[in-house]
Amino acid sequence: MWTLREVRVPVLPVGSAPIRVLHLSDLHMAPWQRDKQEWVRSLADLQPDLIVDTGDNLGHRDGIDGIRHAFERFAGIPGVFVNGSNDYYGPVVKNPLRYFAGPSKHTGRAEKLDTAALLEFFDSLGWVDLNNAAGSADIAGTHFEFFGVDDPHKKLDRPELIARAIDELRADDPLGDETWPDRGDAPASRATVSVGVTHAPYQRVLNSFVNHGAQLILAGHTHGGQVCVPGFGALVTNCDVPRKQVKGLSLWWHGMRNAYLNVSAGLGTSIYAPVRFACPPEATLLTLVPENER
């Protein structure tokens, strides 16, 4: 039922060793979903170098225990994450036809979930919180900088905070690509791979990430359309990303620059709309390779 999509992304400096990135999104976990929990646990056998979680992990007031069980084998693997709206509020019954009128809207009927417990668990795994924040890590010999936003679908993204966080991150890195003073005795700059992380791939966020120099952007939220028509594709995206980029790997262009964009179709659905058609639930294993291996 669940599938692993594998792609190669040529973003690493020439001569770098390949890096395996496991992208997880939209688990919408409920306590009875034991098969899904066990399948996600099995992904630890892939031995990824990095895990990126793009939110909507919770799908029920008691979903946190299922997330703990599914993710506990990832302890010790570097990871980064952002939240989706369902990490804050539980699902509610909706008319699915409303999605044809545009992105869904928050309702005051939604139950508030234990977001603090989720963040505490991710912190125990050693993962970096990228909600309107930035961070860096050296992974398999390559230096990465990460920046992310809180859920744009609920307008929790704060462009001014992420811009400040990126500036501070780069100012604190004397060997970064853009920060070392221009002087004769300066050491050679260190090649850096920049990764943007968001739950919902709204165009304003993708464009901002490209402006900040992202080479790779990871997102979820869309469920790949969830219900697709063979030969046509997704009917809705639940945001303003074009339908042709509702899932999978593509190039996102803004101005004269671009970044690879991977949108996960996700591993779950709302418990009130547990239907997919021509759009299987997925995790993604991205193998990052040197940029000359296109």
Protein backbone atom coordinates (compact mmCIF):
# COMPACT_ATOMS: atom_id res chain seq x y z
CA MET A 1 0.00 0.00 0.00
CA TRP A 2 2.69 2.50 0.99
CA THR A 3 5.36 3.20 -1.58
CA LEU A 4 8.93 4.45 -1.54
CA ARG A 5 9.67 6.86 -4.38
CA GLU A 6 13.38 7.17 -5.19
CA VAL A 7 14.94 10.10 -7.06
CA ARG A 8 18.42 11.51 -7.73
CA VAL A 9 19.05 15.22 -7.23
CA PRO A 10 22.31 16.78 -8.55
CA VAL A 11 22.96 19.52 -5.99
CA LEU A 12 26.18 18.51 -4.22
CA PRO A 13 29.60 20.06 -4.85
CA VAL A 14 31.68 18.22 -7.44
CA GLY A 15 33.56 15.33 -5.84
CA SER A 16 31.12 14.90 -2.93
CA ALA A 17 29.96 11.49 -1.75
CA PRO A 18 26.25 10.75 -2.38
CA ILE A 19 23.89 11.59 0.49
CA ARG A 20 20.61 9.78 1.13
CA VAL A 21 17.74 11.96 2.36
CA LEU A 22 14.50 10.41 3.62
CA HIS A 23 11.56 12.80 3.14
CA LEU A 24 8.51 12.07 5.30
CA SER A 25 5.29 14.06 5.28
CA ASP A 26 1.60 14.09 6.18
CA LEU A 27 1.38 10.93 8.26
CA HIS A 28 -1.86 12.19 9.90
CA MET A 29 -1.26 9.50 12.51
CA ALA A 30 -4.12 7.92 14.42
CA PRO A 31 -3.54 5.37 17.22
CA TRP A 32 -5.07 2.41 15.35
CA GLN A 33 -2.82 2.79 12.28
CA ARG A 34 -0.33 0.14 13.36
CA ASP A 35 0.51 -1.08 9.86
CA LYS A 36 1.56 2.41 8.83
CA GLN A 37 3.64 2.78 11.98
CA GLU A 38 5.49 -0.47 11.27
CA TRP A 39 6.10 0.48 7.63
CA VAL A 40 7.60 3.82 8.64
CA ARG A 41 9.77 2.08 11.27
CA SER A 42 11.11 -0.19 8.53
CA LEU A 43 12.47 2.82 6.64
CA ALA A 44 15.29 3.01 9.19
CA ASP A 45 16.73 -0.01 7.36
CA LEU A 46 17.48 2.33 4.43
CA GLN A 47 20.13 3.94 6.66
CA PRO A 48 19.48 7.50 5.47
CA ASP A 49 22.05 10.19 6.16
CA LEU A 50 19.36 12.80 6.84
CA ILE A 51 15.62 12.86 7.53
CA VAL A 52 13.39 15.78 6.54
CA ASP A 53 9.87 15.87 7.98
CA THR A 54 7.50 18.37 6.39
CA GLY A 55 4.68 18.25 8.90
CA ASP A 56 1.10 17.12 9.51
CA ASN A 57 2.37 14.24 11.60
CA LEU A 58 -0.68 14.15 13.88
CA GLY A 59 -4.16 13.14 12.79
CA HIS A 60 -5.84 12.42 16.12
CA ARG A 61 -5.68 13.66 19.72
CA ASP A 62 -3.85 10.42 20.61
CA GLY A 63 -1.65 10.31 17.52
CA ILE A 64 1.59 11.20 19.31
CA ASP A 65 2.17 7.67 20.62
CA GLY A 66 1.99 6.31 17.08
CA ILE A 67 4.52 8.89 15.92
CA ARG A 68 6.85 7.94 18.75
CA HIS A 69 6.62 4.28 17.82
CA ALA A 70 7.06 4.93 14.10
CA PHE A 71 10.03 7.29 14.49
CA GLU A 72 11.96 5.94 17.47
CA ARG A 73 14.31 3.93 15.23
CA PHE A 74 15.44 7.20 13.61
CA ALA A 75 17.17 8.32 16.82
CA GLY A 76 20.75 9.30 16.05
CA ILE A 77 20.05 10.13 12.40
CA PRO A 78 20.31 13.89 11.69
CA GLY A 79 16.92 15.42 10.97
CA VAL A 80 15.06 18.68 10.42
CA PHE A 81 11.34 19.41 10.55
CA VAL A 82 8.57 21.97 10.20
CA ASN A 83 4.97 21.85 11.38
CA GLY A 84 1.75 21.61 9.42
CA SER A 85 -1.64 22.80 10.61
CA ASN A 86 -2.57 19.28 11.74
CA ASP A 87 0.31 19.36 14.19
CA TYR A 88 -1.67 22.10 15.95
CA TYR A 89 -5.31 21.15 15.37
CA GLY A 90 -7.16 17.88 14.92
CA PRO A 91 -9.20 16.95 11.87
CA VAL A 92 -12.84 17.93 11.40
CA VAL A 93 -15.54 16.66 9.09
CA LYS A 94 -15.56 18.68 5.85
CA ASN A 95 -17.39 18.57 2.56
CA PRO A 96 -14.68 17.41 0.12
CA LEU A 97 -16.27 19.47 -2.67
CA ARG A 98 -15.14 22.61 -0.82
CA TYR A 99 -11.58 21.98 -2.01
CA PHE A 100 -12.66 22.85 -5.55
CA ALA A 101 -13.34 26.40 -4.33
CA GLY A 102 -9.71 26.87 -3.28
CA PRO A 103 -7.44 26.05 -0.34
CA SER A 104 -9.19 24.86 2.81
CA LYS A 105 -9.69 27.24 5.73
CA HIS A 106 -9.25 26.78 9.46
CA THR A 107 -12.40 26.18 11.45
CA GLY A 108 -12.89 27.10 15.09
CA ARG A 109 -14.39 23.64 15.67
CA ALA A 110 -10.98 21.94 15.45
CA GLU A 111 -9.53 20.41 18.61
CA LYS A 112 -6.16 21.74 19.74
CA LEU A 113 -3.51 19.00 19.79
CA ASP A 114 -0.46 18.47 22.01
CA THR A 115 2.06 20.22 19.77
CA ALA A 116 4.49 20.62 22.66
CA ALA A 117 4.75 16.84 23.08
CA LEU A 118 5.50 16.44 19.37
CA LEU A 119 8.24 19.08 19.45
CA GLU A 120 9.70 17.57 22.61
CA PHE A 121 9.87 14.16 20.93
CA PHE A 122 11.58 15.53 17.82
CA ASP A 123 14.04 17.34 20.07
CA SER A 124 14.80 14.02 21.81
CA LEU A 125 15.69 12.58 18.38
CA GLY A 126 18.17 15.43 17.93
CA TRP A 127 16.21 17.00 15.08
CA VAL A 128 16.38 20.71 14.27
CA ASP A 129 13.20 22.79 14.46
CA LEU A 130 12.99 24.93 11.30
CA ASN A 131 9.70 26.68 12.03
CA ASN A 132 10.64 30.22 10.93
CA ALA A 133 14.23 29.32 11.73
CA ALA A 134 17.53 28.22 10.21
CA GLY A 135 20.24 25.73 11.08
CA SER A 136 23.28 23.98 9.68
CA ALA A 137 24.94 20.58 9.76
CA ASP A 138 27.86 18.71 8.26
CA ILE A 139 26.58 15.47 6.73
CA ALA A 140 28.77 12.86 5.06
CA GLY A 141 31.45 15.45 4.39
CA THR A 142 29.13 18.14 2.96
CA HIS A 143 28.08 21.32 4.74
CA PHE A 144 24.33 22.04 4.68
CA GLU A 145 22.37 25.11 5.66
CA PHE A 146 18.65 24.66 6.26
CA PHE A 147 15.90 27.22 6.54
CA GLY A 148 12.20 26.71 6.98
CA VAL A 149 8.86 28.30 7.78
CA ASP A 150 5.93 27.45 9.99
CA ASP A 151 2.80 26.39 8.11
CA PRO A 152 2.04 28.84 5.28
CA HIS A 153 -1.43 27.31 4.84
CA LYS A 154 -2.41 28.90 8.15
CA LYS A 155 -0.32 31.99 7.42
CA LEU A 156 2.14 31.14 10.19
CA ASP A 157 5.15 31.79 7.95
CA ARG A 158 7.13 34.88 8.99
CA PRO A 159 9.39 36.07 6.14
CA GLU A 160 11.12 38.65 8.32
CA LEU A 161 12.11 36.02 10.90
CA ILE A 162 13.50 33.61 8.34
CA ALA A 163 15.50 36.36 6.61
CA ARG A 164 17.03 37.35 9.95
CA ALA A 165 17.75 33.72 10.87
CA ILE A 166 19.53 33.10 7.56
CA ASP A 167 21.60 36.27 7.92
CA GLU A 168 22.64 35.28 11.44
CA LEU A 169 23.45 31.73 10.37
CA ARG A 170 25.69 32.90 7.55
CA ALA A 171 27.34 35.57 9.67
CA ASP A 172 28.31 32.92 12.22
CA ASP A 173 29.96 30.73 9.54
CA PRO A 174 33.38 32.18 8.62
CA LEU A 175 33.91 29.52 5.97
CA GLY A 176 30.54 29.90 4.27
CA ASP A 177 30.14 30.76 0.62
CA GLU A 178 29.10 34.39 1.16
CA THR A 179 30.43 35.58 4.52
CA TRP A 180 34.22 35.53 4.67
CA PRO A 181 35.86 38.97 4.20
CA ASP A 182 37.58 39.56 0.86
CA ARG A 183 41.22 39.55 1.89
CA GLY A 184 44.32 37.85 0.61
CA ASP A 185 44.93 35.55 3.57
CA ALA A 186 41.33 34.33 3.83
CA PRO A 187 40.96 30.54 3.63
CA ALA A 188 39.06 29.03 0.74
CA SER A 189 35.31 29.22 1.22
CA ARG A 190 33.43 26.04 2.01
CA ALA A 191 30.89 24.83 -0.53
CA THR A 192 27.45 24.80 1.07
CA VAL A 193 24.20 23.15 0.00
CA SER A 194 21.13 25.26 0.87
CA VAL A 195 17.83 23.50 1.59
CA GLY A 196 14.44 25.14 2.15
CA VAL A 197 11.74 23.28 4.10
CA THR A 198 8.02 24.08 4.23
CA HIS A 199 4.83 22.18 4.89
CA ALA A 200 2.68 23.79 2.21
CA PRO A 201 4.32 24.75 -1.11
CA TYR A 202 2.76 28.18 -1.53
CA GLN A 203 4.39 30.20 -4.28
CA ARG A 204 5.28 33.09 -1.96
CA VAL A 205 7.35 30.69 0.15
CA LEU A 206 8.99 28.91 -2.77
CA ASN A 207 9.95 32.25 -4.33
CA SER A 208 11.37 33.47 -1.02
CA PHE A 209 13.45 30.31 -0.66
CA VAL A 210 14.87 30.74 -4.17
CA ASN A 211 15.71 34.36 -3.34
CA HIS A 212 17.60 33.11 -0.27
CA GLY A 213 19.65 30.75 -2.43
CA ALA A 214 17.91 27.41 -1.88
CA GLN A 215 19.11 24.68 -4.20
CA LEU A 216 16.58 22.12 -2.96
CA ILE A 217 13.12 22.71 -1.48
CA LEU A 218 11.09 20.01 0.30
CA ALA A 219 7.35 20.27 0.94
CA GLY A 220 4.22 18.23 1.58
CA HIS A 221 0.60 19.23 2.32
CA THR A 222 -0.95 18.51 -1.08
CA HIS A 223 -1.35 14.73 -0.63
CA GLY A 224 -0.43 14.69 -4.32
CA GLY A 225 -4.02 15.72 -5.00
CA GLN A 226 -5.20 12.61 -3.07
CA VAL A 227 -7.80 11.80 -5.73
CA CYS A 228 -6.31 11.89 -9.22
CA VAL A 229 -7.58 11.08 -12.70
CA PRO A 230 -5.32 8.75 -14.70
CA GLY A 231 -3.91 10.64 -17.67
CA PHE A 232 -4.94 14.00 -16.17
CA GLY A 233 -3.52 14.07 -12.67
CA ALA A 234 -4.59 15.94 -9.57
CA LEU A 235 -7.90 17.76 -9.49
CA VAL A 236 -6.92 20.05 -6.61
CA THR A 237 -3.71 21.09 -4.84
CA ASN A 238 -5.09 22.76 -1.66
CA CYS A 239 -2.67 25.66 -2.23
CA ASP A 240 -1.49 27.76 -5.19
CA VAL A 241 1.22 25.45 -6.51
CA PRO A 242 0.50 24.44 -10.14
CA ARG A 243 -1.23 21.08 -10.56
CA LYS A 244 1.69 19.70 -12.56
CA GLN A 245 3.93 20.21 -9.51
CA VAL A 246 1.52 18.84 -6.92
CA LYS A 247 3.83 15.89 -6.24
CA GLY A 248 7.23 14.58 -7.22
CA LEU A 249 10.47 16.26 -8.23
CA SER A 250 10.47 19.32 -10.48
CA LEU A 251 12.27 22.62 -10.97
CA TRP A 252 10.82 25.74 -9.36
CA TRP A 253 11.77 28.91 -11.24
CA HIS A 254 11.66 32.41 -9.82
CA GLY A 255 13.21 35.20 -11.84
CA MET A 256 16.41 33.89 -13.37
CA ARG A 257 17.06 31.33 -10.63
CA ASN A 258 15.66 27.91 -9.82
CA ALA A 259 15.69 25.19 -7.20
CA TYR A 260 14.74 21.54 -7.22
CA LEU A 261 11.33 21.11 -5.59
CA ASN A 262 10.22 17.80 -4.11
CA VAL A 263 6.58 17.68 -3.04
CA SER A 264 5.64 14.54 -1.15
CA ALA A 265 2.24 12.97 -1.72
CA GLY A 266 2.39 12.06 1.97
CA LEU A 267 1.67 8.92 3.95
CA GLY A 268 -1.81 9.59 5.27
CA THR A 269 -5.13 11.37 4.94
CA SER A 270 -7.65 12.89 7.29
CA ILE A 271 -9.41 10.18 9.27
CA TYR A 272 -12.65 11.69 7.92
CA ALA A 273 -11.57 11.32 4.27
CA PRO A 274 -9.50 8.11 4.15
CA VAL A 275 -9.64 7.78 0.37
CA ARG A 276 -6.94 7.96 -2.29
CA PHE A 277 -7.25 7.20 -5.97
CA ALA A 278 -4.37 6.96 -8.48
CA CYS A 279 -2.19 8.62 -5.84
CA PRO A 280 -0.62 6.10 -3.46
CA PRO A 281 0.78 7.21 -0.10
CA GLU A 282 4.54 7.60 -0.21
CA ALA A 283 7.83 8.40 1.42
CA THR A 284 10.68 9.67 -0.73
CA LEU A 285 14.33 8.67 -0.72
CA LEU A 286 16.33 11.40 -2.42
CA THR A 287 19.91 10.54 -3.32
CA LEU A 288 21.83 13.78 -3.56
CA VAL A 289 24.70 13.55 -6.03
CA PRO A 290 27.32 15.99 -7.38
CA GLU A 291 25.93 18.67 -9.67
CA ASN A 292 28.01 17.40 -12.61
CA GLU A 293 26.13 14.07 -12.51
CA ARG A 294 22.93 15.34 -14.12
